Amino acid sequence: MNKITILIILFSFLLINCQKKPILKNDKIDNIGLYNNQDFYKEAKFDIKKIKSVNNTEMYLLHHYKIALNSESEKATIIINNKTYPLNLNFTYDTNLENALSNIKIFEDRKSNVLIFIPTFGSNDEYTYQLLLVKNNLLYENTISYSVFNNSSMQKNIVINEENELFNIRIGKVNIKTKFIKQLTNLSNQGVVTKEEKSFPSNLKGSWAVNCQNELTELNINKNEGFLSLYDFNAIYINLKVEKSSKKDEYVLKFASTSSQRDYYKNMLMIVDEDISKDDIIGKLVIKKDGKGELYWSGLYNIKKKKLEFVGNDFLLIKENGGKTPLILEKCE
């Protein structure tokens, strides 16, 4: 064997051994955490523990998150870092609510960031999930429709990549691109709903709806003012303050006042104007090239109760849209 052949063999051996091993494998993740602008989340295993029951409210512990269920009002909340946040939990399970809790998926990274999937509606092999992402003590929320959790071959790890406020969630070989809505400021402090850093006067005019034929549900905007159908049970309509954000074709909606409401149902949501923040963003409307509006809804922040209200199906337009968000609204004549 000549010297050239020996050198080639040695070089090949060194090259093979110097190659980096892949961090992400099919069966497990060797390193959970931030790597190349990606967050690796691993599914948390937990038992469902019922910790107390008061009147019609039952409190459960899932991992280290407390979930309260009220069967009478069909409301659910989750406590994250001592902050209460509403859940769009499905109360129509045939047997009991613990079946709904058993389908909640929790994924965490090594920095204590967490992604929670809450099933809100299911048909055939597809579910609609409410997504809660707690990242760097900030809470984000969105809704997606997906069938991956009914797939027995589902990966037990999730990879999240964030670029320009757009999140790419990779579950196994499937990628989901979605835009979360920032719901709460630093969870370790007392502040709660995010505020727009900079805004400008609005010159937007028009009317948008899930279905323009339904005149009872609408979003009307006239420059800096607006009008919105909010809640069906007590026929609540609200006035809006509208501002142009620093982003192209994006408008910020804030609560101004109650336009009208009825007290048909005493145990359902009502508004006391003084209790609702007028500075916090309740939604963002993005106007598309075809004139349609993409509405990212946050909800109204109740200062007295220290929580968001009129979220999920408690917001009339989301309910009319079958619980799916973000809302794609038709431009009405």
C-alpha atoms as a PDB file:
ATOM      1  CA  MET A   1       0.000   0.000   0.000  1.00  0.00           C
ATOM      2  CA  ASN A   2       1.575   3.288  -1.099  1.00  0.00           C
ATOM      3  CA  LYS A   3       1.712   6.500   0.942  1.00  0.00           C
ATOM      4  CA  ILE A   4      -1.022   8.236  -1.093  1.00  0.00           C
ATOM      5  CA  THR A   5      -3.502   5.419  -0.414  1.00  0.00           C
ATOM      6  CA  ILE A   6      -2.714   5.482   3.325  1.00  0.00           C
ATOM      7  CA  LEU A   7      -3.235   9.258   3.453  1.00  0.00           C
ATOM      8  CA  ILE A   8      -6.596   8.951   1.674  1.00  0.00           C
ATOM      9  CA  ILE A   9      -7.781   6.280   4.150  1.00  0.00           C
ATOM     10  CA  LEU A  10      -6.687   8.356   7.166  1.00  0.00           C
ATOM     11  CA  PHE A  11      -8.373  11.504   5.804  1.00  0.00           C
ATOM     12  CA  SER A  12     -11.638   9.618   5.193  1.00  0.00           C
ATOM     13  CA  PHE A  13     -11.560   8.186   8.728  1.00  0.00           C
ATOM     14  CA  LEU A  14     -11.030  11.603  10.286  1.00  0.00           C
ATOM     15  CA  LEU A  15     -13.772  13.156   8.149  1.00  0.00           C
ATOM     16  CA  ILE A  16     -16.347  10.569   9.210  1.00  0.00           C
ATOM     17  CA  ASN A  17     -15.554  10.925  12.906  1.00  0.00           C
ATOM     18  CA  CYS A  18     -15.611  14.718  12.822  1.00  0.00           C
ATOM     19  CA  GLN A  19     -19.176  14.913  11.511  1.00  0.00           C
ATOM     20  CA  LYS A  20     -21.660  16.196  14.086  1.00  0.00           C
ATOM     21  CA  LYS A  21     -24.364  13.863  15.296  1.00  0.00           C
ATOM     22  CA  PRO A  22     -27.926  15.077  14.615  1.00  0.00           C
ATOM     23  CA  ILE A  23     -29.645  16.599  17.601  1.00  0.00           C
ATOM     24  CA  LEU A  24     -33.174  15.629  16.535  1.00  0.00           C
ATOM     25  CA  LYS A  25     -33.889  11.903  16.179  1.00  0.00           C
ATOM     26  CA  ASN A  26     -37.106  10.096  15.325  1.00  0.00           C
ATOM     27  CA  ASP A  27     -37.381   8.383  18.685  1.00  0.00           C
ATOM     28  CA  LYS A  28     -36.171  11.075  21.055  1.00  0.00           C
ATOM     29  CA  ILE A  29     -34.545  14.473  21.420  1.00  0.00           C
ATOM     30  CA  ASP A  30     -31.040  14.410  22.885  1.00  0.00           C
ATOM     31  CA  ASN A  31     -31.018  18.104  23.793  1.00  0.00           C
ATOM     32  CA  ILE A  32     -34.151  19.969  24.795  1.00  0.00           C
ATOM     33  CA  GLY A  33     -33.742  23.732  24.452  1.00  0.00           C
ATOM     34  CA  LEU A  34     -32.788  26.524  22.105  1.00  0.00           C
ATOM     35  CA  TYR A  35     -30.611  25.487  19.155  1.00  0.00           C
ATOM     36  CA  ASN A  36     -30.228  27.261  15.812  1.00  0.00           C
ATOM     37  CA  ASN A  37     -33.197  29.544  16.563  1.00  0.00           C
ATOM     38  CA  GLN A  38     -35.416  26.544  17.325  1.00  0.00           C
ATOM     39  CA  ASP A  39     -37.118  25.522  20.569  1.00  0.00           C
ATOM     40  CA  PHE A  40     -37.421  21.801  21.258  1.00  0.00           C
ATOM     41  CA  TYR A  41     -40.372  20.792  23.421  1.00  0.00           C
ATOM     42  CA  LYS A  42     -40.862  17.378  24.974  1.00  0.00           C
ATOM     43  CA  GLU A  43     -44.240  15.965  25.985  1.00  0.00           C
ATOM     44  CA  ALA A  44     -44.834  16.028  29.737  1.00  0.00           C
ATOM     45  CA  LYS A  45     -46.329  12.948  31.345  1.00  0.00           C
ATOM     46  CA  PHE A  46     -48.798  13.573  34.151  1.00  0.00           C
ATOM     47  CA  ASP A  47     -51.699  12.116  36.094  1.00  0.00           C
ATOM     48  CA  ILE A  48     -55.000  13.934  36.480  1.00  0.00           C
ATOM     49  CA  LYS A  49     -55.596  14.697  40.141  1.00  0.00           C
ATOM     50  CA  LYS A  50     -58.819  16.115  41.521  1.00  0.00           C
ATOM     51  CA  ILE A  51     -57.742  18.387  44.364  1.00  0.00           C
ATOM     52  CA  LYS A  52     -60.993  20.008  45.512  1.00  0.00           C
ATOM     53  CA  SER A  53     -64.662  20.639  44.715  1.00  0.00           C
ATOM     54  CA  VAL A  54     -66.609  23.781  45.706  1.00  0.00           C
ATOM     55  CA  ASN A  55     -70.273  24.140  44.707  1.00  0.00           C
ATOM     56  CA  ASN A  56     -70.344  23.436  40.966  1.00  0.00           C
ATOM     57  CA  THR A  57     -66.616  24.038  40.448  1.00  0.00           C
ATOM     58  CA  GLU A  58     -64.100  21.210  40.454  1.00  0.00           C
ATOM     59  CA  MET A  59     -60.360  21.848  40.599  1.00  0.00           C
ATOM     60  CA  TYR A  60     -57.881  19.496  38.927  1.00  0.00           C
ATOM     61  CA  LEU A  61     -54.100  19.369  38.854  1.00  0.00           C
ATOM     62  CA  LEU A  62     -52.479  18.526  35.511  1.00  0.00           C
ATOM     63  CA  HIS A  63     -48.716  18.394  35.825  1.00  0.00           C
ATOM     64  CA  HIS A  64     -48.203  21.656  37.790  1.00  0.00           C
ATOM     65  CA  TYR A  65     -51.145  23.543  36.251  1.00  0.00           C
ATOM     66  CA  LYS A  66     -54.477  23.959  38.007  1.00  0.00           C
ATOM     67  CA  ILE A  67     -57.652  23.732  35.924  1.00  0.00           C
ATOM     68  CA  ALA A  68     -61.056  24.733  37.291  1.00  0.00           C
ATOM     69  CA  LEU A  69     -64.240  23.348  35.695  1.00  0.00           C
ATOM     70  CA  ASN A  70     -67.745  24.679  36.338  1.00  0.00           C
ATOM     71  CA  SER A  71     -70.310  22.261  34.917  1.00  0.00           C
ATOM     72  CA  GLU A  72     -73.248  24.632  35.470  1.00  0.00           C
ATOM     73  CA  SER A  73     -71.866  27.602  33.555  1.00  0.00           C
ATOM     74  CA  GLU A  74     -69.705  25.369  31.311  1.00  0.00           C
ATOM     75  CA  LYS A  75     -66.661  27.549  31.973  1.00  0.00           C
ATOM     76  CA  ALA A  76     -63.092  26.412  32.412  1.00  0.00           C
ATOM     77  CA  THR A  77     -59.933  28.243  33.469  1.00  0.00           C
ATOM     78  CA  ILE A  78     -56.255  27.392  33.824  1.00  0.00           C
ATOM     79  CA  ILE A  79     -53.856  28.958  36.314  1.00  0.00           C
ATOM     80  CA  ILE A  80     -50.385  29.687  34.944  1.00  0.00           C
ATOM     81  CA  ASN A  81     -47.869  31.445  37.222  1.00  0.00           C
ATOM     82  CA  ASN A  82     -50.711  32.606  39.490  1.00  0.00           C
ATOM     83  CA  LYS A  83     -52.621  34.131  36.545  1.00  0.00           C
ATOM     84  CA  THR A  84     -56.057  32.834  35.561  1.00  0.00           C
ATOM     85  CA  TYR A  85     -56.752  32.318  31.864  1.00  0.00           C
ATOM     86  CA  PRO A  86     -59.995  31.047  30.229  1.00  0.00           C
ATOM     87  CA  LEU A  87     -59.985  27.712  28.414  1.00  0.00           C
ATOM     88  CA  ASN A  88     -62.223  26.829  25.465  1.00  0.00           C
ATOM     89  CA  LEU A  89     -62.694  23.319  26.837  1.00  0.00           C
ATOM     90  CA  ASN A  90     -65.242  21.000  25.241  1.00  0.00           C
ATOM     91  CA  PHE A  91     -68.043  20.364  27.751  1.00  0.00           C
ATOM     92  CA  THR A  92     -69.970  17.985  25.457  1.00  0.00           C
ATOM     93  CA  TYR A  93     -68.091  14.780  26.293  1.00  0.00           C
ATOM     94  CA  ASP A  94     -70.587  11.952  26.780  1.00  0.00           C
ATOM     95  CA  THR A  95     -69.180  10.490  29.996  1.00  0.00           C
ATOM     96  CA  ASN A  96     -67.409  13.057  32.151  1.00  0.00           C
ATOM     97  CA  LEU A  97     -65.147  16.072  31.953  1.00  0.00           C
ATOM     98  CA  GLU A  98     -62.100  14.073  32.960  1.00  0.00           C
ATOM     99  CA  ASN A  99     -62.196  12.602  29.440  1.00  0.00           C
ATOM    100  CA  ALA A 100     -61.712  16.129  28.103  1.00  0.00           C
ATOM    101  CA  LEU A 101     -58.818  16.704  30.486  1.00  0.00           C
ATOM    102  CA  SER A 102     -57.146  13.453  29.431  1.00  0.00           C
ATOM    103  CA  ASN A 103     -56.881  14.774  25.865  1.00  0.00           C
ATOM    104  CA  ILE A 104     -54.963  17.895  26.891  1.00  0.00           C
ATOM    105  CA  LYS A 105     -51.347  17.738  25.712  1.00  0.00           C
ATOM    106  CA  ILE A 106     -48.540  19.587  27.512  1.00  0.00           C
ATOM    107  CA  PHE A 107     -45.062  20.097  26.010  1.00  0.00           C
ATOM    108  CA  GLU A 108     -42.141  21.776  27.801  1.00  0.00           C
ATOM    109  CA  ASP A 109     -38.561  22.777  27.050  1.00  0.00           C
ATOM    110  CA  ARG A 110     -35.691  22.915  29.534  1.00  0.00           C
ATOM    111  CA  LYS A 111     -36.204  26.668  30.043  1.00  0.00           C
ATOM    112  CA  SER A 112     -39.673  26.081  31.574  1.00  0.00           C
ATOM    113  CA  ASN A 113     -41.433  27.364  28.459  1.00  0.00           C
ATOM    114  CA  VAL A 114     -44.619  25.407  27.790  1.00  0.00           C
ATOM    115  CA  LEU A 115     -47.008  24.696  24.904  1.00  0.00           C
ATOM    116  CA  ILE A 116     -50.472  23.406  25.830  1.00  0.00           C
ATOM    117  CA  PHE A 117     -52.988  21.881  23.395  1.00  0.00           C
ATOM    118  CA  ILE A 118     -56.631  21.975  24.611  1.00  0.00           C
ATOM    119  CA  PRO A 119     -59.211  20.147  22.440  1.00  0.00           C
ATOM    120  CA  THR A 120     -62.232  22.431  21.915  1.00  0.00           C
ATOM    121  CA  PHE A 121     -64.165  20.638  19.178  1.00  0.00           C
ATOM    122  CA  GLY A 122     -63.881  17.312  17.358  1.00  0.00           C
ATOM    123  CA  SER A 123     -65.405  15.739  14.269  1.00  0.00           C
ATOM    124  CA  ASN A 124     -64.308  12.474  12.646  1.00  0.00           C
ATOM    125  CA  ASP A 125     -60.501  12.389  12.826  1.00  0.00           C
ATOM    126  CA  GLU A 126     -59.887  16.146  13.192  1.00  0.00           C
ATOM    127  CA  TYR A 127     -59.907  18.306  16.305  1.00  0.00           C
ATOM    128  CA  THR A 128     -59.835  22.028  16.885  1.00  0.00           C
ATOM    129  CA  TYR A 129     -57.262  22.911  19.540  1.00  0.00           C
ATOM    130  CA  GLN A 130     -56.765  26.005  21.622  1.00  0.00           C
ATOM    131  CA  LEU A 131     -53.007  26.620  21.858  1.00  0.00           C
ATOM    132  CA  LEU A 132     -51.433  28.330  24.848  1.00  0.00           C
ATOM    133  CA  LEU A 133     -47.727  29.103  24.542  1.00  0.00           C
ATOM    134  CA  VAL A 134     -45.872  30.416  27.586  1.00  0.00           C
ATOM    135  CA  LYS A 135     -42.496  31.648  26.364  1.00  0.00           C
ATOM    136  CA  ASN A 136     -40.111  33.794  28.405  1.00  0.00           C
ATOM    137  CA  ASN A 137     -42.925  34.569  30.870  1.00  0.00           C
ATOM    138  CA  LEU A 138     -45.193  35.816  28.060  1.00  0.00           C
ATOM    139  CA  LEU A 139     -48.474  34.105  27.240  1.00  0.00           C
ATOM    140  CA  TYR A 140     -49.580  33.617  23.606  1.00  0.00           C
ATOM    141  CA  GLU A 141     -52.845  32.101  22.335  1.00  0.00           C
ATOM    142  CA  ASN A 142     -54.260  30.744  19.091  1.00  0.00           C
ATOM    143  CA  THR A 143     -56.567  28.072  17.675  1.00  0.00           C
ATOM    144  CA  ILE A 144     -55.730  25.438  15.060  1.00  0.00           C
ATOM    145  CA  SER A 145     -57.517  22.504  13.453  1.00  0.00           C
ATOM    146  CA  TYR A 146     -55.421  19.368  13.262  1.00  0.00           C
ATOM    147  CA  SER A 147     -55.679  15.576  13.439  1.00  0.00           C
ATOM    148  CA  VAL A 148     -52.172  14.713  14.627  1.00  0.00           C
ATOM    149  CA  PHE A 149     -53.124  13.779  18.185  1.00  0.00           C
ATOM    150  CA  ASN A 150     -55.460  11.065  16.936  1.00  0.00           C
ATOM    151  CA  ASN A 151     -52.524   9.507  15.110  1.00  0.00           C
ATOM    152  CA  SER A 152     -50.933   6.684  17.095  1.00  0.00           C
ATOM    153  CA  SER A 153     -47.583   7.398  15.455  1.00  0.00           C
ATOM    154  CA  MET A 154     -47.550  11.018  16.675  1.00  0.00           C
ATOM    155  CA  GLN A 155     -44.142  12.258  17.727  1.00  0.00           C
ATOM    156  CA  LYS A 156     -43.703  12.959  21.416  1.00  0.00           C
ATOM    157  CA  ASN A 157     -41.611  16.035  20.696  1.00  0.00           C
ATOM    158  CA  ILE A 158     -42.412  19.382  19.077  1.00  0.00           C
ATOM    159  CA  VAL A 159     -40.077  21.893  17.467  1.00  0.00           C
ATOM    160  CA  ILE A 160     -41.004  25.590  17.362  1.00  0.00           C
ATOM    161  CA  ASN A 161     -39.263  28.159  15.190  1.00  0.00           C
ATOM    162  CA  GLU A 162     -40.168  31.849  15.529  1.00  0.00           C
ATOM    163  CA  GLU A 163     -39.497  34.396  12.807  1.00  0.00           C
ATOM    164  CA  ASN A 164     -41.133  37.827  12.440  1.00  0.00           C
ATOM    165  CA  GLU A 165     -43.953  36.940  14.881  1.00  0.00           C
ATOM    166  CA  LEU A 166     -44.828  33.854  12.799  1.00  0.00           C
ATOM    167  CA  PHE A 167     -44.460  30.530  14.593  1.00  0.00           C
ATOM    168  CA  ASN A 168     -43.653  27.342  12.725  1.00  0.00           C
ATOM    169  CA  ILE A 169     -44.642  24.314  14.816  1.00  0.00           C
ATOM    170  CA  ARG A 170     -43.218  20.994  13.621  1.00  0.00           C
ATOM    171  CA  ILE A 171     -44.997  17.893  14.931  1.00  0.00           C
ATOM    172  CA  GLY A 172     -43.225  14.870  13.506  1.00  0.00           C
ATOM    173  CA  LYS A 173     -42.956  15.512   9.778  1.00  0.00           C
ATOM    174  CA  VAL A 174     -45.837  17.998   9.680  1.00  0.00           C
ATOM    175  CA  ASN A 175     -45.319  21.776   9.841  1.00  0.00           C
ATOM    176  CA  ILE A 176     -47.997  24.173  11.085  1.00  0.00           C
ATOM    177  CA  LYS A 177     -47.469  27.882  10.461  1.00  0.00           C
ATOM    178  CA  THR A 178     -49.502  30.091  12.751  1.00  0.00           C
ATOM    179  CA  LYS A 179     -49.523  33.568  14.268  1.00  0.00           C
ATOM    180  CA  PHE A 180     -50.058  33.648  18.014  1.00  0.00           C
ATOM    181  CA  ILE A 181     -51.709  36.569  19.772  1.00  0.00           C
ATOM    182  CA  LYS A 182     -49.770  37.902  22.748  1.00  0.00           C
ATOM    183  CA  GLN A 183     -52.313  37.833  25.585  1.00  0.00           C
ATOM    184  CA  LEU A 184     -50.433  38.735  28.741  1.00  0.00           C
ATOM    185  CA  THR A 185     -47.358  40.744  29.592  1.00  0.00           C
ATOM    186  CA  ASN A 186     -44.738  39.379  31.962  1.00  0.00           C
ATOM    187  CA  LEU A 187     -46.546  36.725  33.997  1.00  0.00           C
ATOM    188  CA  SER A 188     -44.317  37.332  36.983  1.00  0.00           C
ATOM    189  CA  ASN A 189     -45.643  40.897  37.294  1.00  0.00           C
ATOM    190  CA  GLN A 190     -49.109  42.363  37.796  1.00  0.00           C
ATOM    191  CA  GLY A 191     -49.548  43.723  34.269  1.00  0.00           C
ATOM    192  CA  VAL A 192     -51.763  41.616  32.102  1.00  0.00           C
ATOM    193  CA  VAL A 193     -52.702  42.538  28.557  1.00  0.00           C
ATOM    194  CA  THR A 194     -50.191  43.644  25.990  1.00  0.00           C
ATOM    195  CA  LYS A 195     -50.253  47.275  24.832  1.00  0.00           C
ATOM    196  CA  GLU A 196     -49.334  48.564  21.405  1.00  0.00           C
ATOM    197  CA  GLU A 197     -46.017  50.419  21.500  1.00  0.00           C
ATOM    198  CA  LYS A 198     -46.909  52.934  18.783  1.00  0.00           C
ATOM    199  CA  SER A 199     -50.130  53.728  16.950  1.00  0.00           C
ATOM    200  CA  PHE A 200     -51.548  56.356  14.599  1.00  0.00           C
ATOM    201  CA  PRO A 201     -54.981  57.811  13.721  1.00  0.00           C
ATOM    202  CA  SER A 202     -57.095  55.441  11.634  1.00  0.00           C
ATOM    203  CA  ASN A 203     -58.704  56.331   8.295  1.00  0.00           C
ATOM    204  CA  LEU A 204     -60.276  52.900   7.802  1.00  0.00           C
ATOM    205  CA  LYS A 205     -63.956  52.726   6.861  1.00  0.00           C
ATOM    206  CA  GLY A 206     -66.134  49.700   6.237  1.00  0.00           C
ATOM    207  CA  SER A 207     -68.142  46.785   7.563  1.00  0.00           C
ATOM    208  CA  TRP A 208     -67.005  43.175   7.933  1.00  0.00           C
ATOM    209  CA  ALA A 209     -68.749  39.978   9.049  1.00  0.00           C
ATOM    210  CA  VAL A 210     -68.390  36.198   9.095  1.00  0.00           C
ATOM    211  CA  ASN A 211     -71.532  36.159   6.974  1.00  0.00           C
ATOM    212  CA  CYS A 212     -72.722  39.468   5.529  1.00  0.00           C
ATOM    213  CA  GLN A 213     -76.272  38.073   5.264  1.00  0.00           C
ATOM    214  CA  ASN A 214     -76.463  37.966   9.066  1.00  0.00           C
ATOM    215  CA  GLU A 215     -77.073  41.563  10.080  1.00  0.00           C
ATOM    216  CA  LEU A 216     -76.938  40.716  13.804  1.00  0.00           C
ATOM    217  CA  THR A 217     -73.195  40.014  13.798  1.00  0.00           C
ATOM    218  CA  GLU A 218     -70.948  42.692  12.392  1.00  0.00           C
ATOM    219  CA  LEU A 219     -67.848  44.809  12.775  1.00  0.00           C
ATOM    220  CA  ASN A 220     -68.275  48.413  11.620  1.00  0.00           C
ATOM    221  CA  ILE A 221     -65.408  50.897  11.516  1.00  0.00           C
ATOM    222  CA  ASN A 222     -65.546  54.606  10.765  1.00  0.00           C
ATOM    223  CA  LYS A 223     -62.011  55.966  11.063  1.00  0.00           C
ATOM    224  CA  ASN A 224     -61.176  56.120  14.790  1.00  0.00           C
ATOM    225  CA  GLU A 225     -64.488  54.669  15.978  1.00  0.00           C
ATOM    226  CA  GLY A 226     -66.115  51.283  15.629  1.00  0.00           C
ATOM    227  CA  PHE A 227     -69.067  49.095  16.583  1.00  0.00           C
ATOM    228  CA  LEU A 228     -68.958  45.360  17.304  1.00  0.00           C
ATOM    229  CA  SER A 229     -71.392  42.522  18.020  1.00  0.00           C
ATOM    230  CA  LEU A 230     -69.849  40.924  21.101  1.00  0.00           C
ATOM    231  CA  TYR A 231     -72.083  38.432  22.922  1.00  0.00           C
ATOM    232  CA  ASP A 232     -75.322  36.717  21.985  1.00  0.00           C
ATOM    233  CA  PHE A 233     -76.886  35.577  25.299  1.00  0.00           C
ATOM    234  CA  ASN A 234     -77.332  39.081  26.695  1.00  0.00           C
ATOM    235  CA  ALA A 235     -77.243  40.836  23.315  1.00  0.00           C
ATOM    236  CA  ILE A 236     -74.107  42.849  24.085  1.00  0.00           C
ATOM    237  CA  TYR A 237     -72.845  45.368  21.531  1.00  0.00           C
ATOM    238  CA  ILE A 238     -69.804  47.542  22.196  1.00  0.00           C
ATOM    239  CA  ASN A 239     -68.231  50.719  20.848  1.00  0.00           C
ATOM    240  CA  LEU A 240     -64.603  50.572  19.776  1.00  0.00           C
ATOM    241  CA  LYS A 241     -61.593  52.825  19.660  1.00  0.00           C
ATOM    242  CA  VAL A 242     -59.691  52.110  16.425  1.00  0.00           C
ATOM    243  CA  GLU A 243     -56.024  52.941  15.832  1.00  0.00           C
ATOM    244  CA  LYS A 244     -53.637  52.279  12.953  1.00  0.00           C
ATOM    245  CA  SER A 245     -50.664  50.198  14.058  1.00  0.00           C
ATOM    246  CA  SER A 246     -47.112  50.664  12.810  1.00  0.00           C
ATOM    247  CA  LYS A 247     -47.537  47.562  10.634  1.00  0.00           C
ATOM    248  CA  LYS A 248     -48.921  47.760   7.117  1.00  0.00           C
ATOM    249  CA  ASP A 249     -52.710  47.280   6.832  1.00  0.00           C
ATOM    250  CA  GLU A 250     -53.040  46.419  10.533  1.00  0.00           C
ATOM    251  CA  TYR A 251     -55.488  48.142  12.881  1.00  0.00           C
ATOM    252  CA  VAL A 252     -55.743  47.926  16.650  1.00  0.00           C
ATOM    253  CA  LEU A 253     -59.114  47.583  18.393  1.00  0.00           C
ATOM    254  CA  LYS A 254     -59.731  48.741  21.961  1.00  0.00           C
ATOM    255  CA  PHE A 255     -62.826  48.827  24.147  1.00  0.00           C
ATOM    256  CA  ALA A 256     -64.468  52.268  24.320  1.00  0.00           C
ATOM    257  CA  SER A 257     -67.855  51.654  25.948  1.00  0.00           C
ATOM    258  CA  THR A 258     -70.923  49.435  25.984  1.00  0.00           C
ATOM    259  CA  SER A 259     -73.365  50.360  23.240  1.00  0.00           C
ATOM    260  CA  SER A 260     -76.208  48.171  24.512  1.00  0.00           C
ATOM    261  CA  GLN A 261     -76.824  44.999  26.532  1.00  0.00           C
ATOM    262  CA  ARG A 262     -79.727  43.103  28.068  1.00  0.00           C
ATOM    263  CA  ASP A 263     -79.931  41.098  31.302  1.00  0.00           C
ATOM    264  CA  TYR A 264     -81.765  38.100  29.850  1.00  0.00           C
ATOM    265  CA  TYR A 265     -79.519  35.650  31.714  1.00  0.00           C
ATOM    266  CA  LYS A 266     -78.278  36.637  35.168  1.00  0.00           C
ATOM    267  CA  ASN A 267     -75.607  33.906  35.267  1.00  0.00           C
ATOM    268  CA  MET A 268     -74.098  34.816  31.893  1.00  0.00           C
ATOM    269  CA  LEU A 269     -71.523  37.449  31.005  1.00  0.00           C
ATOM    270  CA  MET A 270     -72.336  41.130  31.436  1.00  0.00           C
ATOM    271  CA  ILE A 271     -70.242  44.288  31.137  1.00  0.00           C
ATOM    272  CA  VAL A 272     -69.589  46.970  33.737  1.00  0.00           C
ATOM    273  CA  ASP A 273     -67.770  49.642  31.760  1.00  0.00           C
ATOM    274  CA  GLU A 274     -65.642  50.778  34.688  1.00  0.00           C
ATOM    275  CA  ASP A 275     -64.273  47.243  35.116  1.00  0.00           C
ATOM    276  CA  ILE A 276     -63.046  46.883  31.520  1.00  0.00           C
ATOM    277  CA  SER A 277     -59.642  48.224  30.472  1.00  0.00           C
ATOM    278  CA  LYS A 278     -59.825  50.885  27.784  1.00  0.00           C
ATOM    279  CA  ASP A 279     -56.089  50.868  27.122  1.00  0.00           C
ATOM    280  CA  ASP A 280     -55.511  47.208  26.353  1.00  0.00           C
ATOM    281  CA  ILE A 281     -55.845  45.677  22.908  1.00  0.00           C
ATOM    282  CA  ILE A 282     -58.904  43.479  22.442  1.00  0.00           C
ATOM    283  CA  GLY A 283     -58.131  42.532  18.837  1.00  0.00           C
ATOM    284  CA  LYS A 284     -56.121  43.280  15.716  1.00  0.00           C
ATOM    285  CA  LEU A 285     -57.643  43.580  12.246  1.00  0.00           C
ATOM    286  CA  VAL A 286     -55.457  43.001   9.191  1.00  0.00           C
ATOM    287  CA  ILE A 287     -56.944  44.128   5.857  1.00  0.00           C
ATOM    288  CA  LYS A 288     -56.120  41.771   2.989  1.00  0.00           C
ATOM    289  CA  LYS A 289     -55.622  42.721  -0.659  1.00  0.00           C
ATOM    290  CA  ASP A 290     -59.082  41.359  -1.544  1.00  0.00           C
ATOM    291  CA  GLY A 291     -60.701  43.575   1.113  1.00  0.00           C
ATOM    292  CA  LYS A 292     -61.328  40.770   3.585  1.00  0.00           C
ATOM    293  CA  GLY A 293     -60.406  41.294   7.211  1.00  0.00           C
ATOM    294  CA  GLU A 294     -58.320  38.880   9.276  1.00  0.00           C
ATOM    295  CA  LEU A 295     -59.272  39.398  12.907  1.00  0.00           C
ATOM    296  CA  TYR A 296     -56.954  38.238  15.694  1.00  0.00           C
ATOM    297  CA  TRP A 297     -59.114  38.373  18.802  1.00  0.00           C
ATOM    298  CA  SER A 298     -57.743  38.683  22.354  1.00  0.00           C
ATOM    299  CA  GLY A 299     -60.775  39.497  24.519  1.00  0.00           C
ATOM    300  CA  LEU A 300     -61.744  42.190  27.007  1.00  0.00           C
ATOM    301  CA  TYR A 301     -59.580  42.496  30.102  1.00  0.00           C
ATOM    302  CA  ASN A 302     -61.579  42.791  33.329  1.00  0.00           C
ATOM    303  CA  ILE A 303     -59.481  44.905  35.685  1.00  0.00           C
ATOM    304  CA  LYS A 304     -61.526  43.971  38.742  1.00  0.00           C
ATOM    305  CA  LYS A 305     -61.441  40.221  38.107  1.00  0.00           C
ATOM    306  CA  LYS A 306     -57.894  40.357  36.659  1.00  0.00           C
ATOM    307  CA  LYS A 307     -58.704  38.131  33.705  1.00  0.00           C
ATOM    308  CA  LEU A 308     -59.718  38.169  30.049  1.00  0.00           C
ATOM    309  CA  GLU A 309     -63.397  37.769  29.192  1.00  0.00           C
ATOM    310  CA  PHE A 310     -65.358  37.218  25.975  1.00  0.00           C
ATOM    311  CA  VAL A 311     -62.750  34.872  24.558  1.00  0.00           C
ATOM    312  CA  GLY A 312     -63.248  31.774  22.416  1.00  0.00           C
ATOM    313  CA  ASN A 313     -66.908  30.984  21.814  1.00  0.00           C
ATOM    314  CA  ASP A 314     -67.893  33.706  24.294  1.00  0.00           C
ATOM    315  CA  PHE A 315     -67.098  36.103  21.440  1.00  0.00           C
ATOM    316  CA  LEU A 316     -70.039  36.040  19.046  1.00  0.00           C
ATOM    317  CA  LEU A 317     -68.041  36.159  15.806  1.00  0.00           C
ATOM    318  CA  ILE A 318     -65.822  33.242  16.842  1.00  0.00           C
ATOM    319  CA  LYS A 319     -68.909  31.271  17.869  1.00  0.00           C
ATOM    320  CA  GLU A 320     -70.526  32.000  14.501  1.00  0.00           C
ATOM    321  CA  ASN A 321     -67.308  30.818  12.831  1.00  0.00           C
ATOM    322  CA  GLY A 322     -67.447  27.434  14.562  1.00  0.00           C
ATOM    323  CA  GLY A 323     -64.732  28.278  17.080  1.00  0.00           C
ATOM    324  CA  LYS A 324     -62.012  28.669  14.454  1.00  0.00           C
ATOM    325  CA  THR A 325     -59.508  31.523  14.564  1.00  0.00           C
ATOM    326  CA  PRO A 326     -58.127  33.758  13.270  1.00  0.00           C
ATOM    327  CA  LEU A 327     -61.397  35.018  11.846  1.00  0.00           C
ATOM    328  CA  ILE A 328     -61.550  35.679   8.116  1.00  0.00           C
ATOM    329  CA  LEU A 329     -64.257  38.308   7.701  1.00  0.00           C
ATOM    330  CA  GLU A 330     -66.049  39.146   4.469  1.00  0.00           C
ATOM    331  CA  LYS A 331     -66.154  42.771   3.351  1.00  0.00           C
ATOM    332  CA  CYS A 332     -69.828  43.796   3.401  1.00  0.00           C
ATOM    333  CA  GLU A 333     -71.372  46.401   1.087  1.00  0.00           C
END
